[in-house]
Amino acid sequence: MSVIDLEQTPPRVIDHVVVGDAPEGFAISPKGDLALAILLRGSNSDKKAFYYNKAGAAVALKIDGKKVTRVGPEIELGGLPEGVAFSSDGAYAYVGNYLDSNISVLKIEGTQVTDTGKNLKLPGPPASLRAAPK
């Protein structure tokens, strides 16, 4: 992923952060100190493909000014995760898993992201997510 300095004229890429295989979704927390990159990891591919994984994953990125670093391990999600959104207080993140027709609920504590083990079942596959402040 590219880190872009918006204060420069014109804005420009100042760094790159390796997040993993096939980033699909991305969201920045309301506090601005954490971002989540959502990885497909081949979960939408043929099961015979060498790069196939049953599940995608989330990767946490710490934001400190213009410095962005990957923190913690990958958090396993469901199949073909696409959309991601933070709760308005930044305490949780929600990831839509298209193939599993559910939403993974992740707990946020500082830069530590953990899977709550709870999924919200949906009547159909989510293709995107969006959140708004209170």
N, C-alpha and C. Protein backbone atom coordinates (compact mmCIF):
# COMPACT_ATOMS: atom_id res chain seq x y z
N MET A 1 0.85 -1.16 0.00
CA MET A 1 0.00 0.00 0.00
C MET A 1 0.90 1.23 0.00
N SER A 2 0.42 2.28 -0.62
CA SER A 2 1.19 3.52 -0.70
C SER A 2 0.75 4.51 0.37
N VAL A 3 1.72 5.20 0.96
CA VAL A 3 1.45 6.27 1.91
C VAL A 3 1.60 7.58 1.13
N ILE A 4 0.55 8.38 1.15
CA ILE A 4 0.54 9.61 0.36
C ILE A 4 0.56 10.82 1.29
N ASP A 5 1.50 11.72 1.06
CA ASP A 5 1.60 12.96 1.83
C ASP A 5 0.72 14.00 1.16
N LEU A 6 -0.43 14.29 1.78
CA LEU A 6 -1.38 15.24 1.22
C LEU A 6 -0.99 16.69 1.47
N GLU A 7 0.03 16.92 2.31
CA GLU A 7 0.47 18.29 2.59
C GLU A 7 1.42 18.81 1.53
N GLN A 8 1.96 17.92 0.70
CA GLN A 8 2.86 18.34 -0.36
C GLN A 8 2.06 18.85 -1.56
N THR A 9 2.66 19.72 -2.35
CA THR A 9 2.04 20.22 -3.57
C THR A 9 2.92 19.87 -4.75
N PRO A 10 2.51 18.96 -5.59
CA PRO A 10 1.30 18.17 -5.48
C PRO A 10 1.47 17.03 -4.46
N PRO A 11 0.36 16.43 -3.99
CA PRO A 11 0.48 15.27 -3.09
C PRO A 11 1.31 14.19 -3.76
N ARG A 12 2.08 13.44 -2.93
CA ARG A 12 2.94 12.40 -3.52
C ARG A 12 3.13 11.23 -2.57
N VAL A 13 3.49 10.10 -3.15
CA VAL A 13 3.78 8.90 -2.38
C VAL A 13 5.11 9.09 -1.66
N ILE A 14 5.11 8.84 -0.33
CA ILE A 14 6.33 9.00 0.45
C ILE A 14 6.82 7.69 1.05
N ASP A 15 5.99 6.64 0.97
CA ASP A 15 6.38 5.34 1.53
C ASP A 15 5.46 4.26 1.01
N HIS A 16 5.89 3.02 1.18
CA HIS A 16 5.08 1.84 0.83
C HIS A 16 5.10 0.90 2.02
N VAL A 17 3.95 0.25 2.27
CA VAL A 17 3.83 -0.72 3.35
C VAL A 17 3.30 -2.02 2.75
N VAL A 18 4.02 -3.10 2.96
CA VAL A 18 3.57 -4.40 2.47
C VAL A 18 2.52 -4.94 3.44
N VAL A 19 1.32 -5.22 2.94
CA VAL A 19 0.25 -5.69 3.81
C VAL A 19 -0.09 -7.16 3.60
N GLY A 20 0.13 -7.69 2.42
CA GLY A 20 -0.19 -9.10 2.17
C GLY A 20 -0.86 -9.27 0.82
N ASP A 21 -1.45 -10.44 0.65
CA ASP A 21 -1.98 -10.87 -0.65
C ASP A 21 -3.35 -10.28 -0.97
N ALA A 22 -3.40 -9.50 -2.02
CA ALA A 22 -4.63 -8.99 -2.62
C ALA A 22 -5.48 -8.12 -1.69
N PRO A 23 -4.97 -6.93 -1.31
CA PRO A 23 -5.80 -6.03 -0.50
C PRO A 23 -7.05 -5.61 -1.29
N GLU A 24 -8.19 -5.68 -0.63
CA GLU A 24 -9.48 -5.37 -1.28
C GLU A 24 -10.16 -4.18 -0.60
N GLY A 25 -10.24 -4.19 0.72
CA GLY A 25 -10.89 -3.12 1.45
C GLY A 25 -9.89 -2.36 2.30
N PHE A 26 -10.28 -1.14 2.68
CA PHE A 26 -9.40 -0.30 3.49
C PHE A 26 -10.25 0.72 4.23
N ALA A 27 -9.96 0.92 5.51
CA ALA A 27 -10.66 1.95 6.30
C ALA A 27 -9.73 2.50 7.36
N ILE A 28 -9.91 3.78 7.67
CA ILE A 28 -9.15 4.45 8.72
C ILE A 28 -10.09 4.70 9.89
N SER A 29 -9.62 4.42 11.11
CA SER A 29 -10.43 4.59 12.31
C SER A 29 -10.83 6.04 12.50
N PRO A 30 -11.92 6.30 13.24
CA PRO A 30 -12.34 7.68 13.49
C PRO A 30 -11.27 8.51 14.21
N LYS A 31 -10.42 7.87 15.00
CA LYS A 31 -9.35 8.58 15.70
C LYS A 31 -8.17 8.89 14.79
N GLY A 32 -8.09 8.23 13.65
CA GLY A 32 -7.03 8.47 12.68
C GLY A 32 -5.70 7.83 13.01
N ASP A 33 -5.65 6.98 14.04
CA ASP A 33 -4.39 6.37 14.44
C ASP A 33 -4.22 4.92 14.01
N LEU A 34 -5.25 4.38 13.36
CA LEU A 34 -5.23 2.97 12.96
C LEU A 34 -6.00 2.81 11.66
N ALA A 35 -5.52 1.93 10.82
CA ALA A 35 -6.23 1.59 9.59
C ALA A 35 -6.29 0.07 9.49
N LEU A 36 -7.25 -0.43 8.77
CA LEU A 36 -7.35 -1.86 8.49
C LEU A 36 -7.32 -2.08 6.99
N ALA A 37 -6.46 -2.98 6.55
CA ALA A 37 -6.43 -3.42 5.17
C ALA A 37 -7.03 -4.82 5.15
N ILE A 38 -7.95 -5.05 4.23
CA ILE A 38 -8.64 -6.33 4.12
C ILE A 38 -8.05 -7.09 2.94
N LEU A 39 -7.58 -8.31 3.20
CA LEU A 39 -6.89 -9.13 2.20
C LEU A 39 -7.78 -10.27 1.72
N LEU A 40 -7.83 -10.47 0.42
CA LEU A 40 -8.58 -11.60 -0.14
C LEU A 40 -7.87 -12.92 0.08
N ARG A 41 -6.55 -12.94 -0.04
CA ARG A 41 -5.70 -14.13 0.13
C ARG A 41 -6.14 -15.31 -0.74
N GLY A 42 -6.70 -15.03 -1.90
CA GLY A 42 -7.10 -16.11 -2.80
C GLY A 42 -8.39 -16.81 -2.40
N SER A 43 -9.13 -16.25 -1.45
CA SER A 43 -10.34 -16.91 -0.96
C SER A 43 -11.46 -16.95 -2.00
N ASN A 44 -11.33 -16.17 -3.06
CA ASN A 44 -12.32 -16.18 -4.13
C ASN A 44 -11.84 -16.99 -5.34
N SER A 45 -10.76 -17.73 -5.18
CA SER A 45 -10.14 -18.46 -6.28
C SER A 45 -10.54 -19.93 -6.27
N ASP A 46 -10.18 -20.59 -7.36
CA ASP A 46 -10.39 -22.03 -7.48
C ASP A 46 -9.65 -22.74 -6.34
N LYS A 47 -10.30 -23.69 -5.71
CA LYS A 47 -9.70 -24.39 -4.58
C LYS A 47 -8.45 -25.17 -4.97
N LYS A 48 -8.23 -25.40 -6.26
CA LYS A 48 -7.04 -26.11 -6.72
C LYS A 48 -5.85 -25.17 -6.95
N ALA A 49 -6.11 -23.86 -6.90
CA ALA A 49 -5.04 -22.88 -7.13
C ALA A 49 -4.05 -22.91 -5.96
N PHE A 50 -2.77 -22.77 -6.25
CA PHE A 50 -1.75 -22.84 -5.21
C PHE A 50 -1.89 -21.71 -4.19
N TYR A 51 -2.50 -20.62 -4.58
CA TYR A 51 -2.62 -19.46 -3.70
C TYR A 51 -3.98 -19.41 -2.98
N TYR A 52 -4.80 -20.44 -3.15
CA TYR A 52 -6.11 -20.47 -2.52
C TYR A 52 -6.00 -20.56 -1.00
N ASN A 53 -6.80 -19.78 -0.31
CA ASN A 53 -7.00 -19.86 1.13
C ASN A 53 -8.50 -19.85 1.36
N LYS A 54 -8.96 -20.59 2.34
CA LYS A 54 -10.39 -20.64 2.64
C LYS A 54 -10.91 -19.27 3.08
N ALA A 55 -10.07 -18.52 3.77
CA ALA A 55 -10.49 -17.25 4.36
C ALA A 55 -9.56 -16.11 4.00
N GLY A 56 -10.11 -14.91 4.02
CA GLY A 56 -9.31 -13.70 3.88
C GLY A 56 -8.79 -13.29 5.25
N ALA A 57 -8.22 -12.09 5.32
CA ALA A 57 -7.65 -11.63 6.58
C ALA A 57 -7.68 -10.11 6.66
N ALA A 58 -7.54 -9.62 7.89
CA ALA A 58 -7.39 -8.19 8.14
C ALA A 58 -5.99 -7.93 8.66
N VAL A 59 -5.41 -6.81 8.28
CA VAL A 59 -4.09 -6.40 8.75
C VAL A 59 -4.23 -4.99 9.32
N ALA A 60 -3.71 -4.81 10.53
CA ALA A 60 -3.76 -3.50 11.20
C ALA A 60 -2.54 -2.68 10.84
N LEU A 61 -2.76 -1.39 10.62
CA LEU A 61 -1.69 -0.45 10.29
C LEU A 61 -1.75 0.71 11.28
N LYS A 62 -0.66 0.93 12.00
CA LYS A 62 -0.56 2.05 12.94
C LYS A 62 -0.19 3.30 12.15
N ILE A 63 -0.92 4.38 12.41
CA ILE A 63 -0.65 5.66 11.75
C ILE A 63 -0.12 6.63 12.79
N ASP A 64 1.11 7.10 12.59
CA ASP A 64 1.74 8.05 13.50
C ASP A 64 2.30 9.18 12.65
N GLY A 65 1.47 10.21 12.49
CA GLY A 65 1.87 11.30 11.60
C GLY A 65 1.93 10.80 10.17
N LYS A 66 3.12 10.92 9.57
CA LYS A 66 3.30 10.44 8.20
C LYS A 66 3.93 9.06 8.13
N LYS A 67 4.11 8.44 9.29
CA LYS A 67 4.70 7.10 9.37
C LYS A 67 3.58 6.06 9.55
N VAL A 68 3.54 5.07 8.67
CA VAL A 68 2.54 4.00 8.74
C VAL A 68 3.29 2.68 8.83
N THR A 69 2.96 1.87 9.86
CA THR A 69 3.62 0.58 10.05
C THR A 69 2.59 -0.50 10.30
N ARG A 70 2.91 -1.68 9.82
CA ARG A 70 2.06 -2.84 10.05
C ARG A 70 2.27 -3.31 11.50
N VAL A 71 1.18 -3.61 12.19
CA VAL A 71 1.27 -4.07 13.58
C VAL A 71 0.43 -5.34 13.75
N GLY A 72 0.94 -6.25 14.56
CA GLY A 72 0.20 -7.47 14.89
C GLY A 72 0.11 -8.45 13.75
N PRO A 73 -0.42 -9.63 14.05
CA PRO A 73 -0.57 -10.68 13.04
C PRO A 73 -1.82 -10.45 12.18
N GLU A 74 -1.92 -11.19 11.08
CA GLU A 74 -3.14 -11.17 10.28
C GLU A 74 -4.27 -11.76 11.12
N ILE A 75 -5.46 -11.19 11.00
CA ILE A 75 -6.64 -11.69 11.68
C ILE A 75 -7.49 -12.39 10.64
N GLU A 76 -7.72 -13.69 10.81
CA GLU A 76 -8.48 -14.45 9.82
C GLU A 76 -9.94 -14.02 9.83
N LEU A 77 -10.49 -13.89 8.63
CA LEU A 77 -11.88 -13.49 8.45
C LEU A 77 -12.63 -14.62 7.73
N GLY A 78 -13.69 -14.28 7.02
CA GLY A 78 -14.43 -15.25 6.23
C GLY A 78 -13.97 -15.23 4.78
N GLY A 79 -14.73 -15.89 3.93
CA GLY A 79 -14.39 -15.98 2.52
C GLY A 79 -14.74 -14.71 1.76
N LEU A 80 -13.82 -14.26 0.94
CA LEU A 80 -13.95 -13.06 0.11
C LEU A 80 -14.40 -11.84 0.90
N PRO A 81 -13.58 -11.43 1.90
CA PRO A 81 -13.91 -10.22 2.65
C PRO A 81 -13.71 -8.99 1.76
N GLU A 82 -14.67 -8.09 1.79
CA GLU A 82 -14.57 -6.92 0.92
C GLU A 82 -14.69 -5.61 1.69
N GLY A 83 -15.84 -5.32 2.22
CA GLY A 83 -16.04 -4.04 2.89
C GLY A 83 -15.58 -4.06 4.33
N VAL A 84 -15.15 -2.90 4.82
CA VAL A 84 -14.74 -2.75 6.21
C VAL A 84 -15.17 -1.36 6.69
N ALA A 85 -15.65 -1.30 7.94
CA ALA A 85 -16.06 -0.03 8.53
C ALA A 85 -15.82 -0.08 10.04
N PHE A 86 -15.45 1.07 10.60
CA PHE A 86 -15.26 1.20 12.04
C PHE A 86 -16.55 1.71 12.69
N SER A 87 -16.76 1.30 13.95
CA SER A 87 -17.85 1.90 14.71
C SER A 87 -17.51 3.37 14.94
N SER A 88 -18.50 4.19 15.25
CA SER A 88 -18.25 5.62 15.39
C SER A 88 -17.28 5.97 16.51
N ASP A 89 -17.17 5.11 17.54
CA ASP A 89 -16.21 5.36 18.61
C ASP A 89 -14.87 4.68 18.38
N GLY A 90 -14.74 3.93 17.30
CA GLY A 90 -13.48 3.26 16.96
C GLY A 90 -13.19 2.02 17.78
N ALA A 91 -14.13 1.56 18.60
CA ALA A 91 -13.90 0.40 19.45
C ALA A 91 -14.08 -0.93 18.72
N TYR A 92 -14.77 -0.89 17.59
CA TYR A 92 -15.01 -2.11 16.81
C TYR A 92 -14.83 -1.82 15.32
N ALA A 93 -14.56 -2.88 14.59
CA ALA A 93 -14.56 -2.81 13.13
C ALA A 93 -15.40 -3.96 12.62
N TYR A 94 -16.04 -3.74 11.51
CA TYR A 94 -16.94 -4.73 10.92
C TYR A 94 -16.48 -5.01 9.49
N VAL A 95 -16.38 -6.30 9.15
CA VAL A 95 -15.90 -6.70 7.83
C VAL A 95 -16.93 -7.61 7.19
N GLY A 96 -17.37 -7.25 5.99
CA GLY A 96 -18.33 -8.06 5.25
C GLY A 96 -17.64 -9.19 4.52
N ASN A 97 -18.08 -10.43 4.78
CA ASN A 97 -17.54 -11.63 4.13
C ASN A 97 -18.54 -12.10 3.09
N TYR A 98 -18.25 -11.84 1.84
CA TYR A 98 -19.18 -12.07 0.74
C TYR A 98 -19.59 -13.54 0.61
N LEU A 99 -18.62 -14.45 0.60
CA LEU A 99 -18.93 -15.86 0.39
C LEU A 99 -19.66 -16.49 1.57
N ASP A 100 -19.45 -15.97 2.77
CA ASP A 100 -20.09 -16.53 3.97
C ASP A 100 -21.39 -15.81 4.34
N SER A 101 -21.72 -14.74 3.63
CA SER A 101 -22.92 -13.94 3.91
C SER A 101 -23.00 -13.54 5.38
N ASN A 102 -21.88 -13.00 5.89
CA ASN A 102 -21.89 -12.53 7.27
C ASN A 102 -20.93 -11.36 7.44
N ILE A 103 -20.94 -10.81 8.65
CA ILE A 103 -20.05 -9.71 9.00
C ILE A 103 -19.23 -10.14 10.22
N SER A 104 -17.91 -10.10 10.08
CA SER A 104 -17.02 -10.37 11.21
C SER A 104 -16.95 -9.14 12.10
N VAL A 105 -16.94 -9.36 13.41
CA VAL A 105 -16.85 -8.26 14.36
C VAL A 105 -15.47 -8.32 15.02
N LEU A 106 -14.69 -7.25 14.85
CA LEU A 106 -13.33 -7.16 15.40
C LEU A 106 -13.31 -6.12 16.52
N LYS A 107 -12.57 -6.42 17.58
CA LYS A 107 -12.42 -5.50 18.72
C LYS A 107 -11.13 -4.71 18.55
N ILE A 108 -11.19 -3.42 18.78
CA ILE A 108 -10.03 -2.53 18.64
C ILE A 108 -9.66 -1.99 20.01
N GLU A 109 -8.41 -2.20 20.43
CA GLU A 109 -7.88 -1.63 21.68
C GLU A 109 -6.51 -1.06 21.35
N GLY A 110 -6.46 0.26 21.16
CA GLY A 110 -5.22 0.89 20.72
C GLY A 110 -4.90 0.43 19.31
N THR A 111 -3.73 -0.21 19.18
CA THR A 111 -3.38 -0.77 17.86
C THR A 111 -3.56 -2.28 17.83
N GLN A 112 -4.13 -2.84 18.90
CA GLN A 112 -4.38 -4.28 18.95
C GLN A 112 -5.78 -4.57 18.41
N VAL A 113 -5.83 -5.45 17.42
CA VAL A 113 -7.10 -5.84 16.80
C VAL A 113 -7.28 -7.33 17.03
N THR A 114 -8.45 -7.71 17.57
CA THR A 114 -8.74 -9.12 17.82
C THR A 114 -10.11 -9.47 17.29
N ASP A 115 -10.26 -10.72 16.92
CA ASP A 115 -11.54 -11.24 16.45
C ASP A 115 -12.39 -11.55 17.68
N THR A 116 -13.60 -11.02 17.74
CA THR A 116 -14.49 -11.30 18.87
C THR A 116 -15.07 -12.71 18.79
N GLY A 117 -14.95 -13.35 17.62
CA GLY A 117 -15.54 -14.67 17.43
C GLY A 117 -17.02 -14.58 17.10
N LYS A 118 -17.54 -13.38 17.01
CA LYS A 118 -18.96 -13.18 16.69
C LYS A 118 -19.10 -12.75 15.23
N ASN A 119 -20.07 -13.34 14.56
CA ASN A 119 -20.39 -12.98 13.19
C ASN A 119 -21.87 -12.63 13.11
N LEU A 120 -22.18 -11.61 12.35
CA LEU A 120 -23.57 -11.23 12.13
C LEU A 120 -24.02 -11.86 10.82
N LYS A 121 -24.95 -12.81 10.90
CA LYS A 121 -25.44 -13.50 9.71
C LYS A 121 -26.33 -12.56 8.91
N LEU A 122 -26.17 -12.57 7.60
CA LEU A 122 -26.95 -11.72 6.71
C LEU A 122 -27.81 -12.56 5.77
N PRO A 123 -28.90 -12.01 5.23
CA PRO A 123 -29.74 -12.77 4.31
C PRO A 123 -29.10 -12.95 2.93
N GLY A 124 -28.02 -12.24 2.67
CA GLY A 124 -27.33 -12.34 1.39
C GLY A 124 -25.91 -11.84 1.55
N PRO A 125 -25.09 -11.99 0.51
CA PRO A 125 -23.69 -11.58 0.60
C PRO A 125 -23.50 -10.06 0.57
N PRO A 126 -22.71 -9.53 1.53
CA PRO A 126 -22.41 -8.10 1.53
C PRO A 126 -21.30 -7.79 0.53
N ALA A 127 -21.48 -6.75 -0.26
CA ALA A 127 -20.45 -6.39 -1.23
C ALA A 127 -19.66 -5.16 -0.78
N SER A 128 -20.22 -4.40 0.16
CA SER A 128 -19.51 -3.23 0.66
C SER A 128 -20.10 -2.84 2.00
N LEU A 129 -19.36 -1.99 2.71
CA LEU A 129 -19.83 -1.46 4.00
C LEU A 129 -19.51 0.01 4.07
N ARG A 130 -20.28 0.72 4.87
CA ARG A 130 -20.02 2.12 5.07
C ARG A 130 -20.49 2.49 6.47
N ALA A 131 -19.81 3.38 7.13
CA ALA A 131 -20.21 3.85 8.45
C ALA A 131 -20.18 5.37 8.46
N ALA A 132 -20.93 5.93 9.37
CA ALA A 132 -20.97 7.39 9.49
C ALA A 132 -20.86 7.75 10.97
N PRO A 133 -20.33 8.93 11.28
CA PRO A 133 -20.27 9.37 12.67
C PRO A 133 -21.67 9.54 13.24
N LYS A 134 -21.76 9.54 14.56
CA LYS A 134 -23.07 9.72 15.21
C LYS A 134 -23.71 11.01 14.84
